[in-house]
Amino acid sequence: MTLNTLDPRAPFVLDTHELGRRPGSSQRMALTFPAPADLGLGGVVGVPEAADIELELRLESVMEGVLVSGPVRAPYSGECARCLDAVTGEVAGEIQELYVYADRADNPDTETDDQELRVEGELIDLEQPIRDAVVLALPPSPVCGPDCPGLCSICGARLADDPGHAHDTTDPRWAALAGLLTDDTHESGSLRAGPTEES
């Protein structure tokens, strides 16, 4: 027998008691949870901690357990991948997970996956599916605008503030040749400027 390890008071834990175990029965609910810490992509973009995560879920009782599906929405913030300005927006993802009843999961005649989610007693934990749905929907390289020119690769200046920003640079591979050309020009110029015997 699997012991119930979920705390019914935890933020992402949901009680499925009203759904029952009759296959085909379903229940709809709108829920709001506070975002957990570190919900994002490596500090580049993510959902601020404690921000509202909104869900519109459909719970359906099936033979194996409880099928949970529905959209999830949350605000996100981060830095523009081009100019490093702050960016904000809303992420929209989708949850579709099967929570297997513990008695079926523990049945030696039933094929199970160690990574599958389970109904513990009548409780399910939505945190991991919410994390997966939100992270997969986050923009990996957010931008403040589609036409953001970014930063100068030489000095780091913000190009949107100075559209005419430019640097006079010489490719170092051509620097030696440029020096030779300059020397040749000076030498030929001095020859032309020198006195001739006819003068």
N, C-alpha and C. Protein backbone atom coordinates (compact mmCIF):
# COMPACT_ATOMS: atom_id res chain seq x y z
N MET A 1 0.84 -1.19 0.00
CA MET A 1 0.00 0.00 0.00
C MET A 1 0.88 1.25 0.00
N THR A 2 0.57 2.20 -0.90
CA THR A 2 1.35 3.42 -0.98
C THR A 2 0.85 4.44 0.03
N LEU A 3 1.78 4.98 0.82
CA LEU A 3 1.40 5.98 1.81
C LEU A 3 1.20 7.32 1.13
N ASN A 4 0.24 8.09 1.65
CA ASN A 4 -0.02 9.42 1.12
C ASN A 4 1.05 10.37 1.64
N THR A 5 1.86 10.91 0.72
CA THR A 5 2.95 11.80 1.14
C THR A 5 2.63 13.26 0.83
N LEU A 6 1.46 13.54 0.26
CA LEU A 6 1.12 14.91 -0.12
C LEU A 6 0.41 15.64 1.02
N ASP A 7 0.72 16.91 1.15
CA ASP A 7 0.08 17.77 2.13
C ASP A 7 -1.10 18.47 1.45
N PRO A 8 -2.32 18.23 1.88
CA PRO A 8 -3.48 18.85 1.22
C PRO A 8 -3.48 20.37 1.30
N ARG A 9 -2.65 20.94 2.18
CA ARG A 9 -2.59 22.40 2.31
C ARG A 9 -1.52 23.02 1.41
N ALA A 10 -0.70 22.18 0.77
CA ALA A 10 0.35 22.69 -0.10
C ALA A 10 -0.27 23.39 -1.31
N PRO A 11 0.41 24.43 -1.83
CA PRO A 11 -0.18 25.27 -2.89
C PRO A 11 -0.66 24.54 -4.13
N PHE A 12 0.07 23.52 -4.61
CA PHE A 12 -0.26 22.89 -5.89
C PHE A 12 -0.99 21.56 -5.73
N VAL A 13 -1.35 21.22 -4.52
CA VAL A 13 -2.02 19.94 -4.27
C VAL A 13 -3.53 20.12 -4.40
N LEU A 14 -4.14 19.22 -5.18
CA LEU A 14 -5.57 19.32 -5.49
C LEU A 14 -6.29 18.06 -5.03
N ASP A 15 -7.45 18.25 -4.40
CA ASP A 15 -8.27 17.13 -3.92
C ASP A 15 -9.26 16.73 -5.01
N THR A 16 -9.24 15.44 -5.40
CA THR A 16 -10.13 14.96 -6.46
C THR A 16 -11.34 14.22 -5.90
N HIS A 17 -11.62 14.41 -4.61
CA HIS A 17 -12.71 13.66 -3.97
C HIS A 17 -14.03 13.83 -4.71
N GLU A 18 -14.36 15.06 -5.12
CA GLU A 18 -15.65 15.31 -5.76
C GLU A 18 -15.75 14.66 -7.14
N LEU A 19 -14.62 14.40 -7.77
CA LEU A 19 -14.63 13.78 -9.09
C LEU A 19 -15.08 12.33 -9.02
N GLY A 20 -14.66 11.61 -7.98
CA GLY A 20 -14.99 10.20 -7.85
C GLY A 20 -14.16 9.35 -8.79
N ARG A 21 -14.42 8.03 -8.77
CA ARG A 21 -13.63 7.12 -9.59
C ARG A 21 -14.45 6.45 -10.68
N ARG A 22 -15.63 6.98 -10.97
CA ARG A 22 -16.44 6.39 -12.03
C ARG A 22 -15.93 6.88 -13.38
N PRO A 23 -15.41 5.98 -14.24
CA PRO A 23 -14.87 6.40 -15.53
C PRO A 23 -15.89 7.21 -16.34
N GLY A 24 -15.43 8.32 -16.88
CA GLY A 24 -16.30 9.18 -17.67
C GLY A 24 -16.77 10.41 -16.92
N SER A 25 -16.72 10.38 -15.59
CA SER A 25 -17.11 11.56 -14.84
C SER A 25 -16.04 12.63 -14.98
N SER A 26 -16.45 13.88 -14.99
CA SER A 26 -15.48 14.97 -15.19
C SER A 26 -15.83 16.17 -14.33
N GLN A 27 -14.90 17.04 -14.20
CA GLN A 27 -15.07 18.24 -13.37
C GLN A 27 -14.22 19.35 -13.96
N ARG A 28 -14.77 20.55 -14.03
CA ARG A 28 -14.02 21.72 -14.51
C ARG A 28 -13.79 22.68 -13.35
N MET A 29 -12.65 23.32 -13.35
CA MET A 29 -12.34 24.28 -12.30
C MET A 29 -11.33 25.31 -12.78
N ALA A 30 -11.49 26.52 -12.28
CA ALA A 30 -10.54 27.61 -12.53
C ALA A 30 -9.75 27.82 -11.25
N LEU A 31 -8.42 27.80 -11.36
CA LEU A 31 -7.56 27.88 -10.18
C LEU A 31 -6.48 28.94 -10.39
N THR A 32 -6.02 29.49 -9.29
CA THR A 32 -4.90 30.43 -9.31
C THR A 32 -3.91 30.01 -8.24
N PHE A 33 -2.66 29.83 -8.65
CA PHE A 33 -1.60 29.45 -7.72
C PHE A 33 -0.50 30.49 -7.74
N PRO A 34 0.21 30.69 -6.62
CA PRO A 34 1.38 31.57 -6.63
C PRO A 34 2.56 30.85 -7.28
N ALA A 35 3.27 31.55 -8.14
CA ALA A 35 4.40 30.93 -8.84
C ALA A 35 5.48 30.51 -7.87
N PRO A 36 6.05 29.31 -8.05
CA PRO A 36 7.16 28.88 -7.20
C PRO A 36 8.45 29.60 -7.59
N ALA A 37 9.46 29.45 -6.77
CA ALA A 37 10.77 30.06 -7.08
C ALA A 37 11.42 29.34 -8.24
N ASP A 38 12.28 30.04 -8.96
CA ASP A 38 13.09 29.46 -10.04
C ASP A 38 12.25 28.85 -11.15
N LEU A 39 11.14 29.50 -11.50
CA LEU A 39 10.32 29.03 -12.60
C LEU A 39 10.70 29.82 -13.85
N GLY A 40 11.71 29.31 -14.58
CA GLY A 40 12.18 30.03 -15.75
C GLY A 40 13.32 29.32 -16.44
N LEU A 41 13.99 30.08 -17.30
CA LEU A 41 15.09 29.55 -18.11
C LEU A 41 16.41 30.20 -17.69
N GLY A 42 17.09 29.60 -16.76
CA GLY A 42 18.44 30.00 -16.39
C GLY A 42 18.65 31.46 -16.07
N GLY A 43 17.66 32.12 -15.49
CA GLY A 43 17.83 33.52 -15.12
C GLY A 43 17.64 34.49 -16.27
N VAL A 44 17.44 33.99 -17.50
CA VAL A 44 17.24 34.87 -18.66
C VAL A 44 15.82 35.39 -18.70
N VAL A 45 14.86 34.51 -18.52
CA VAL A 45 13.45 34.87 -18.52
C VAL A 45 12.71 33.89 -17.61
N GLY A 46 11.71 34.39 -16.90
CA GLY A 46 10.97 33.51 -16.01
C GLY A 46 9.76 34.19 -15.42
N VAL A 47 8.99 33.42 -14.67
CA VAL A 47 7.82 33.94 -13.98
C VAL A 47 8.26 34.43 -12.61
N PRO A 48 7.96 35.70 -12.26
CA PRO A 48 8.36 36.20 -10.95
C PRO A 48 7.77 35.36 -9.82
N GLU A 49 8.55 35.13 -8.80
CA GLU A 49 8.08 34.33 -7.67
C GLU A 49 6.84 34.95 -7.06
N ALA A 50 5.85 34.12 -6.78
CA ALA A 50 4.57 34.50 -6.16
C ALA A 50 3.61 35.18 -7.13
N ALA A 51 3.99 35.36 -8.41
CA ALA A 51 3.05 35.90 -9.39
C ALA A 51 1.92 34.89 -9.63
N ASP A 52 0.76 35.38 -10.05
CA ASP A 52 -0.39 34.49 -10.23
C ASP A 52 -0.24 33.61 -11.46
N ILE A 53 -0.37 32.30 -11.26
CA ILE A 53 -0.46 31.34 -12.35
C ILE A 53 -1.92 30.92 -12.44
N GLU A 54 -2.54 31.16 -13.59
CA GLU A 54 -3.97 30.89 -13.75
C GLU A 54 -4.18 29.63 -14.59
N LEU A 55 -5.07 28.77 -14.11
CA LEU A 55 -5.36 27.52 -14.80
C LEU A 55 -6.86 27.35 -14.99
N GLU A 56 -7.24 26.78 -16.14
CA GLU A 56 -8.62 26.37 -16.38
C GLU A 56 -8.56 24.87 -16.69
N LEU A 57 -8.83 24.07 -15.67
CA LEU A 57 -8.58 22.64 -15.78
C LEU A 57 -9.85 21.82 -15.97
N ARG A 58 -9.66 20.72 -16.69
CA ARG A 58 -10.70 19.69 -16.81
C ARG A 58 -10.14 18.41 -16.22
N LEU A 59 -10.78 17.91 -15.18
CA LEU A 59 -10.39 16.65 -14.56
C LEU A 59 -11.37 15.58 -15.03
N GLU A 60 -10.83 14.48 -15.54
CA GLU A 60 -11.66 13.40 -16.05
C GLU A 60 -11.23 12.07 -15.43
N SER A 61 -12.17 11.34 -14.91
CA SER A 61 -11.88 10.03 -14.34
C SER A 61 -11.82 8.99 -15.46
N VAL A 62 -10.71 8.27 -15.52
CA VAL A 62 -10.54 7.20 -16.50
C VAL A 62 -10.17 5.92 -15.75
N MET A 63 -10.06 4.82 -16.47
CA MET A 63 -9.79 3.54 -15.82
C MET A 63 -8.49 3.56 -15.02
N GLU A 64 -7.47 4.20 -15.60
CA GLU A 64 -6.14 4.18 -14.98
C GLU A 64 -5.99 5.18 -13.84
N GLY A 65 -6.78 6.27 -13.90
CA GLY A 65 -6.61 7.31 -12.89
C GLY A 65 -7.37 8.57 -13.23
N VAL A 66 -6.70 9.71 -13.11
CA VAL A 66 -7.32 11.01 -13.35
C VAL A 66 -6.54 11.73 -14.45
N LEU A 67 -7.25 12.08 -15.53
CA LEU A 67 -6.63 12.83 -16.62
C LEU A 67 -6.88 14.31 -16.39
N VAL A 68 -5.78 15.08 -16.33
CA VAL A 68 -5.87 16.53 -16.09
C VAL A 68 -5.41 17.26 -17.34
N SER A 69 -6.23 18.18 -17.82
CA SER A 69 -5.86 18.93 -19.02
C SER A 69 -6.40 20.35 -18.94
N GLY A 70 -5.76 21.25 -19.70
CA GLY A 70 -6.24 22.62 -19.74
C GLY A 70 -5.12 23.62 -19.89
N PRO A 71 -5.47 24.86 -20.22
CA PRO A 71 -4.46 25.91 -20.41
C PRO A 71 -3.94 26.48 -19.10
N VAL A 72 -2.72 26.97 -19.16
CA VAL A 72 -2.11 27.64 -18.02
C VAL A 72 -1.50 28.95 -18.51
N ARG A 73 -1.70 30.02 -17.77
CA ARG A 73 -1.18 31.34 -18.14
C ARG A 73 -0.47 31.97 -16.96
N ALA A 74 0.58 32.73 -17.26
CA ALA A 74 1.33 33.40 -16.21
C ALA A 74 2.11 34.56 -16.80
N PRO A 75 2.38 35.60 -16.02
CA PRO A 75 3.22 36.69 -16.51
C PRO A 75 4.68 36.27 -16.47
N TYR A 76 5.49 36.86 -17.35
CA TYR A 76 6.93 36.59 -17.30
C TYR A 76 7.69 37.90 -17.42
N SER A 77 8.92 37.88 -16.99
CA SER A 77 9.81 39.03 -17.13
C SER A 77 11.22 38.53 -17.39
N GLY A 78 12.02 39.38 -18.00
CA GLY A 78 13.39 39.00 -18.31
C GLY A 78 14.13 40.14 -18.95
N GLU A 79 15.19 39.83 -19.68
CA GLU A 79 16.00 40.82 -20.38
C GLU A 79 15.95 40.57 -21.88
N CYS A 80 15.88 41.66 -22.64
CA CYS A 80 15.92 41.54 -24.09
C CYS A 80 17.24 40.89 -24.50
N ALA A 81 17.17 39.88 -25.35
CA ALA A 81 18.37 39.17 -25.77
C ALA A 81 19.28 40.02 -26.64
N ARG A 82 18.77 41.15 -27.16
CA ARG A 82 19.57 42.00 -28.03
C ARG A 82 20.15 43.22 -27.32
N CYS A 83 19.30 43.92 -26.52
CA CYS A 83 19.77 45.17 -25.91
C CYS A 83 19.81 45.13 -24.39
N LEU A 84 19.35 44.04 -23.78
CA LEU A 84 19.36 43.82 -22.33
C LEU A 84 18.37 44.68 -21.56
N ASP A 85 17.46 45.38 -22.27
CA ASP A 85 16.39 46.10 -21.59
C ASP A 85 15.42 45.11 -20.96
N ALA A 86 14.68 45.56 -19.95
CA ALA A 86 13.69 44.70 -19.31
C ALA A 86 12.54 44.42 -20.28
N VAL A 87 12.07 43.20 -20.28
CA VAL A 87 10.91 42.81 -21.09
C VAL A 87 9.90 42.08 -20.20
N THR A 88 8.64 42.25 -20.50
CA THR A 88 7.57 41.56 -19.78
C THR A 88 6.56 41.03 -20.79
N GLY A 89 5.76 40.09 -20.39
CA GLY A 89 4.74 39.54 -21.26
C GLY A 89 3.95 38.47 -20.52
N GLU A 90 3.15 37.73 -21.26
CA GLU A 90 2.38 36.64 -20.68
C GLU A 90 2.68 35.35 -21.44
N VAL A 91 2.90 34.30 -20.70
CA VAL A 91 3.17 33.00 -21.30
C VAL A 91 1.90 32.15 -21.21
N ALA A 92 1.63 31.39 -22.27
CA ALA A 92 0.46 30.51 -22.28
C ALA A 92 0.92 29.10 -22.66
N GLY A 93 0.63 28.15 -21.80
CA GLY A 93 1.00 26.77 -22.04
C GLY A 93 -0.20 25.85 -21.90
N GLU A 94 0.06 24.56 -21.96
CA GLU A 94 -1.01 23.58 -21.90
C GLU A 94 -0.58 22.39 -21.04
N ILE A 95 -1.47 21.98 -20.16
CA ILE A 95 -1.23 20.80 -19.32
C ILE A 95 -2.07 19.64 -19.83
N GLN A 96 -1.46 18.48 -19.92
CA GLN A 96 -2.20 17.24 -20.19
C GLN A 96 -1.43 16.10 -19.54
N GLU A 97 -1.90 15.68 -18.39
CA GLU A 97 -1.19 14.67 -17.61
C GLU A 97 -2.17 13.64 -17.06
N LEU A 98 -1.70 12.39 -17.03
CA LEU A 98 -2.49 11.32 -16.43
C LEU A 98 -1.88 10.99 -15.07
N TYR A 99 -2.71 11.09 -14.03
CA TYR A 99 -2.31 10.69 -12.68
C TYR A 99 -2.87 9.29 -12.43
N VAL A 100 -1.98 8.34 -12.21
CA VAL A 100 -2.38 6.94 -12.08
C VAL A 100 -2.79 6.64 -10.63
N TYR A 101 -3.88 5.87 -10.48
CA TYR A 101 -4.30 5.46 -9.14
C TYR A 101 -3.21 4.59 -8.52
N ALA A 102 -2.98 4.79 -7.25
CA ALA A 102 -1.91 4.08 -6.55
C ALA A 102 -2.09 2.57 -6.60
N ASP A 103 -3.35 2.09 -6.49
CA ASP A 103 -3.56 0.64 -6.48
C ASP A 103 -3.23 0.02 -7.83
N ARG A 104 -3.41 0.76 -8.92
CA ARG A 104 -3.03 0.25 -10.24
C ARG A 104 -1.52 0.32 -10.42
N ALA A 105 -0.92 1.40 -9.92
CA ALA A 105 0.53 1.55 -10.05
C ALA A 105 1.28 0.47 -9.28
N ASP A 106 0.71 0.04 -8.14
CA ASP A 106 1.37 -0.96 -7.31
C ASP A 106 1.02 -2.39 -7.72
N ASN A 107 0.14 -2.53 -8.71
CA ASN A 107 -0.26 -3.86 -9.17
C ASN A 107 0.86 -4.46 -10.01
N PRO A 108 1.40 -5.62 -9.63
CA PRO A 108 2.51 -6.21 -10.39
C PRO A 108 2.13 -6.59 -11.82
N ASP A 109 0.84 -6.72 -12.10
CA ASP A 109 0.39 -7.08 -13.46
C ASP A 109 0.23 -5.86 -14.36
N THR A 110 0.46 -4.66 -13.80
CA THR A 110 0.27 -3.43 -14.57
C THR A 110 1.62 -2.82 -14.91
N GLU A 111 1.83 -2.52 -16.18
CA GLU A 111 3.08 -1.86 -16.58
C GLU A 111 3.04 -0.40 -16.15
N THR A 112 4.07 0.01 -15.43
CA THR A 112 4.12 1.39 -14.93
C THR A 112 5.48 2.01 -15.22
N ASP A 113 5.50 3.30 -15.19
CA ASP A 113 6.72 4.08 -15.40
C ASP A 113 7.07 4.76 -14.09
N ASP A 114 8.35 4.66 -13.69
CA ASP A 114 8.76 5.27 -12.42
C ASP A 114 8.54 6.78 -12.41
N GLN A 115 8.50 7.40 -13.61
CA GLN A 115 8.35 8.85 -13.69
C GLN A 115 6.89 9.29 -13.74
N GLU A 116 5.96 8.34 -13.80
CA GLU A 116 4.56 8.73 -13.93
C GLU A 116 4.04 9.38 -12.65
N LEU A 117 3.05 10.23 -12.82
CA LEU A 117 2.42 10.92 -11.70
C LEU A 117 1.33 10.02 -11.12
N ARG A 118 1.10 10.16 -9.82
CA ARG A 118 0.16 9.27 -9.15
C ARG A 118 -0.87 10.05 -8.35
N VAL A 119 -2.04 9.43 -8.20
CA VAL A 119 -3.04 9.91 -7.27
C VAL A 119 -2.70 9.31 -5.91
N GLU A 120 -2.46 10.16 -4.95
CA GLU A 120 -2.12 9.68 -3.60
C GLU A 120 -3.32 9.91 -2.69
N GLY A 121 -3.98 8.81 -2.35
CA GLY A 121 -5.26 8.94 -1.66
C GLY A 121 -6.24 9.49 -2.67
N GLU A 122 -6.65 10.73 -2.49
CA GLU A 122 -7.48 11.43 -3.48
C GLU A 122 -6.81 12.74 -3.89
N LEU A 123 -5.52 12.84 -3.62
CA LEU A 123 -4.79 14.07 -3.88
C LEU A 123 -3.86 13.92 -5.08
N ILE A 124 -3.69 15.02 -5.83
CA ILE A 124 -2.71 15.07 -6.92
C ILE A 124 -1.89 16.34 -6.76
N ASP A 125 -0.65 16.29 -7.22
CA ASP A 125 0.27 17.43 -7.13
C ASP A 125 0.49 17.99 -8.54
N LEU A 126 0.08 19.23 -8.76
CA LEU A 126 0.15 19.85 -10.08
C LEU A 126 1.45 20.60 -10.36
N GLU A 127 2.34 20.68 -9.38
CA GLU A 127 3.50 21.55 -9.55
C GLU A 127 4.37 21.18 -10.75
N GLN A 128 4.73 19.90 -10.89
CA GLN A 128 5.63 19.54 -11.98
C GLN A 128 5.01 19.75 -13.36
N PRO A 129 3.75 19.36 -13.59
CA PRO A 129 3.14 19.66 -14.89
C PRO A 129 3.06 21.16 -15.18
N ILE A 130 2.79 21.96 -14.15
CA ILE A 130 2.73 23.41 -14.35
C ILE A 130 4.11 23.94 -14.72
N ARG A 131 5.14 23.49 -14.01
CA ARG A 131 6.50 23.91 -14.34
C ARG A 131 6.85 23.54 -15.78
N ASP A 132 6.56 22.31 -16.16
CA ASP A 132 6.90 21.85 -17.51
C ASP A 132 6.18 22.68 -18.57
N ALA A 133 4.88 22.92 -18.37
CA ALA A 133 4.09 23.65 -19.36
C ALA A 133 4.57 25.09 -19.50
N VAL A 134 4.87 25.73 -18.39
CA VAL A 134 5.30 27.14 -18.43
C VAL A 134 6.69 27.27 -19.03
N VAL A 135 7.62 26.45 -18.60
CA VAL A 135 9.00 26.56 -19.09
C VAL A 135 9.07 26.29 -20.59
N LEU A 136 8.31 25.30 -21.06
CA LEU A 136 8.32 25.00 -22.49
C LEU A 136 7.73 26.13 -23.32
N ALA A 137 6.84 26.92 -22.73
CA ALA A 137 6.19 28.01 -23.47
C ALA A 137 6.95 29.33 -23.38
N LEU A 138 7.91 29.44 -22.47
CA LEU A 138 8.66 30.69 -22.34
C LEU A 138 9.51 30.95 -23.57
N PRO A 139 9.64 32.21 -24.00
CA PRO A 139 10.51 32.52 -25.14
C PRO A 139 11.97 32.35 -24.73
N PRO A 140 12.75 31.52 -25.43
CA PRO A 140 14.15 31.31 -25.03
C PRO A 140 15.03 32.54 -25.23
N SER A 141 14.65 33.40 -26.19
CA SER A 141 15.41 34.63 -26.44
C SER A 141 14.43 35.79 -26.57
N PRO A 142 13.91 36.29 -25.45
CA PRO A 142 12.91 37.37 -25.52
C PRO A 142 13.52 38.65 -26.07
N VAL A 143 12.72 39.42 -26.80
CA VAL A 143 13.18 40.71 -27.32
C VAL A 143 12.16 41.78 -26.96
N CYS A 144 12.65 43.01 -26.80
CA CYS A 144 11.76 44.11 -26.44
C CYS A 144 10.91 44.54 -27.62
N GLY A 145 11.33 44.19 -28.83
CA GLY A 145 10.58 44.51 -30.04
C GLY A 145 11.21 43.80 -31.22
N PRO A 146 10.43 43.48 -32.25
CA PRO A 146 10.98 42.72 -33.38
C PRO A 146 12.07 43.48 -34.14
N ASP A 147 12.07 44.82 -34.04
CA ASP A 147 13.06 45.61 -34.78
C ASP A 147 14.16 46.15 -33.87
N CYS A 148 14.32 45.57 -32.68
CA CYS A 148 15.36 46.03 -31.76
C CYS A 148 16.74 45.82 -32.39
N PRO A 149 17.54 46.91 -32.55
CA PRO A 149 18.85 46.76 -33.19
C PRO A 149 19.93 46.21 -32.27
N GLY A 150 19.66 46.16 -30.96
CA GLY A 150 20.63 45.59 -30.02
C GLY A 150 21.69 46.57 -29.57
N LEU A 151 22.86 46.03 -29.24
CA LEU A 151 23.98 46.82 -28.73
C LEU A 151 25.13 46.80 -29.74
N CYS A 152 25.94 47.84 -29.69
CA CYS A 152 27.14 47.88 -30.51
C CYS A 152 28.09 46.78 -30.06
N SER A 153 28.57 46.00 -31.00
CA SER A 153 29.45 44.87 -30.65
C SER A 153 30.84 45.34 -30.22
N ILE A 154 31.16 46.62 -30.47
CA ILE A 154 32.48 47.14 -30.13
C ILE A 154 32.48 47.83 -28.77
N CYS A 155 31.52 48.76 -28.58
CA CYS A 155 31.54 49.54 -27.33
C CYS A 155 30.35 49.26 -26.42
N GLY A 156 29.35 48.51 -26.91
CA GLY A 156 28.20 48.19 -26.08
C GLY A 156 27.13 49.25 -26.03
N ALA A 157 27.24 50.29 -26.86
CA ALA A 157 26.24 51.35 -26.87
C ALA A 157 24.91 50.81 -27.37
N ARG A 158 23.82 51.38 -26.85
CA ARG A 158 22.48 50.95 -27.25
C ARG A 158 22.15 51.61 -28.59
N LEU A 159 22.05 50.82 -29.64
CA LEU A 159 21.92 51.34 -30.99
C LEU A 159 20.59 52.04 -31.24
N ALA A 160 19.56 51.70 -30.50
CA ALA A 160 18.26 52.37 -30.67
C ALA A 160 18.35 53.84 -30.28
N ASP A 161 19.27 54.18 -29.37
CA ASP A 161 19.44 55.57 -28.95
C ASP A 161 20.28 56.37 -29.93
N ASP A 162 21.03 55.70 -30.78
CA ASP A 162 21.92 56.38 -31.73
C ASP A 162 21.97 55.58 -33.03
N PRO A 163 20.94 55.75 -33.89
CA PRO A 163 20.87 54.96 -35.12
C PRO A 163 22.09 55.12 -36.03
N GLY A 164 22.77 56.27 -35.97
CA GLY A 164 23.93 56.50 -36.83
C GLY A 164 25.24 56.07 -36.21
N HIS A 165 25.16 55.36 -35.10
CA HIS A 165 26.37 54.95 -34.37
C HIS A 165 27.27 54.07 -35.24
N ALA A 166 28.55 54.42 -35.30
CA ALA A 166 29.50 53.63 -36.11
C ALA A 166 30.91 53.85 -35.59
N HIS A 167 31.82 52.95 -35.97
CA HIS A 167 33.23 53.05 -35.60
C HIS A 167 34.08 52.92 -36.86
N ASP A 168 35.15 53.71 -36.95
CA ASP A 168 36.11 53.56 -38.03
C ASP A 168 37.09 52.47 -37.62
N THR A 169 36.99 51.35 -38.26
CA THR A 169 37.85 50.23 -37.89
C THR A 169 38.52 49.66 -39.13
N THR A 170 39.70 49.13 -38.93
CA THR A 170 40.44 48.45 -39.99
C THR A 170 40.61 46.99 -39.60
N ASP A 171 40.29 46.12 -40.50
CA ASP A 171 40.46 44.70 -40.24
C ASP A 171 41.93 44.45 -39.94
N PRO A 172 42.26 43.89 -38.77
CA PRO A 172 43.66 43.67 -38.41
C PRO A 172 44.43 42.83 -39.42
N ARG A 173 43.72 42.01 -40.20
CA ARG A 173 44.40 41.20 -41.21
C ARG A 173 44.94 42.05 -42.35
N TRP A 174 44.38 43.26 -42.52
CA TRP A 174 44.80 44.14 -43.60
C TRP A 174 45.67 45.29 -43.09
N ALA A 175 45.87 45.37 -41.77
CA ALA A 175 46.61 46.51 -41.21
C ALA A 175 48.02 46.60 -41.76
N ALA A 176 48.73 45.48 -41.88
CA ALA A 176 50.11 45.52 -42.40
C ALA A 176 50.14 45.98 -43.85
N LEU A 177 49.20 45.48 -44.64
CA LEU A 177 49.14 45.89 -46.04
C LEU A 177 48.82 47.37 -46.17
N ALA A 178 47.93 47.87 -45.31
CA ALA A 178 47.60 49.29 -45.34
C ALA A 178 48.83 50.13 -45.03
N GLY A 179 49.67 49.64 -44.12
CA GLY A 179 50.90 50.37 -43.79
C GLY A 179 51.85 50.40 -44.97
N LEU A 180 51.97 49.29 -45.70
CA LEU A 180 52.83 49.25 -46.88
C LEU A 180 52.34 50.20 -47.96
N LEU A 181 51.04 50.23 -48.16
CA LEU A 181 50.48 51.14 -49.16
C LEU A 181 50.75 52.58 -48.79
N THR A 182 50.66 52.90 -47.53
CA THR A 182 50.92 54.27 -47.07
C THR A 182 52.38 54.63 -47.30
N ASP A 183 53.31 53.71 -47.01
CA ASP A 183 54.73 53.97 -47.21
C ASP A 183 55.05 54.16 -48.69
N ASP A 184 54.47 53.32 -49.54
CA ASP A 184 54.70 53.44 -50.98
C ASP A 184 54.20 54.77 -51.52
N THR A 185 53.07 55.20 -51.00
CA THR A 185 52.50 56.48 -51.46
C THR A 185 53.41 57.63 -51.10
N HIS A 186 53.95 57.58 -49.88
CA HIS A 186 54.86 58.66 -49.46
C HIS A 186 56.12 58.68 -50.30
N GLU A 187 56.68 57.50 -50.57
CA GLU A 187 57.92 57.42 -51.35
C GLU A 187 57.71 57.92 -52.78
N SER A 188 56.64 57.48 -53.42
CA SER A 188 56.38 57.91 -54.79
C SER A 188 56.07 59.39 -54.84
N GLY A 189 55.44 59.90 -53.81
CA GLY A 189 55.14 61.33 -53.77
C GLY A 189 56.39 62.15 -53.63
N SER A 190 57.35 61.66 -52.85
CA SER A 190 58.59 62.42 -52.67
C SER A 190 59.42 62.41 -53.94
N LEU A 191 59.32 61.30 -54.73
CA LEU A 191 60.05 61.26 -56.00
C LEU A 191 59.47 62.24 -56.99
N ARG A 192 58.17 62.33 -57.03
CA ARG A 192 57.55 63.23 -57.97
C ARG A 192 57.81 64.70 -57.59
N ALA A 193 57.93 64.94 -56.30
CA ALA A 193 58.11 66.33 -55.86
C ALA A 193 59.54 66.78 -55.96
N GLY A 194 60.49 65.85 -56.19
CA GLY A 194 61.90 66.23 -56.20
C GLY A 194 62.27 66.97 -57.47
N PRO A 195 63.40 67.75 -57.47
CA PRO A 195 63.85 68.49 -58.65
C PRO A 195 64.37 67.54 -59.72
N THR A 196 64.30 67.94 -60.94
CA THR A 196 64.82 67.18 -62.08
C THR A 196 66.00 67.90 -62.66
N GLU A 197 66.80 67.17 -63.47
CA GLU A 197 68.00 67.80 -64.07
C GLU A 197 67.59 68.87 -65.07
N GLU A 198 66.44 68.65 -65.73
CA GLU A 198 66.00 69.62 -66.74
C GLU A 198 65.62 70.95 -66.12
N SER A 199 65.24 70.94 -64.84
CA SER A 199 64.90 72.20 -64.21
C SER A 199 66.15 72.92 -63.79
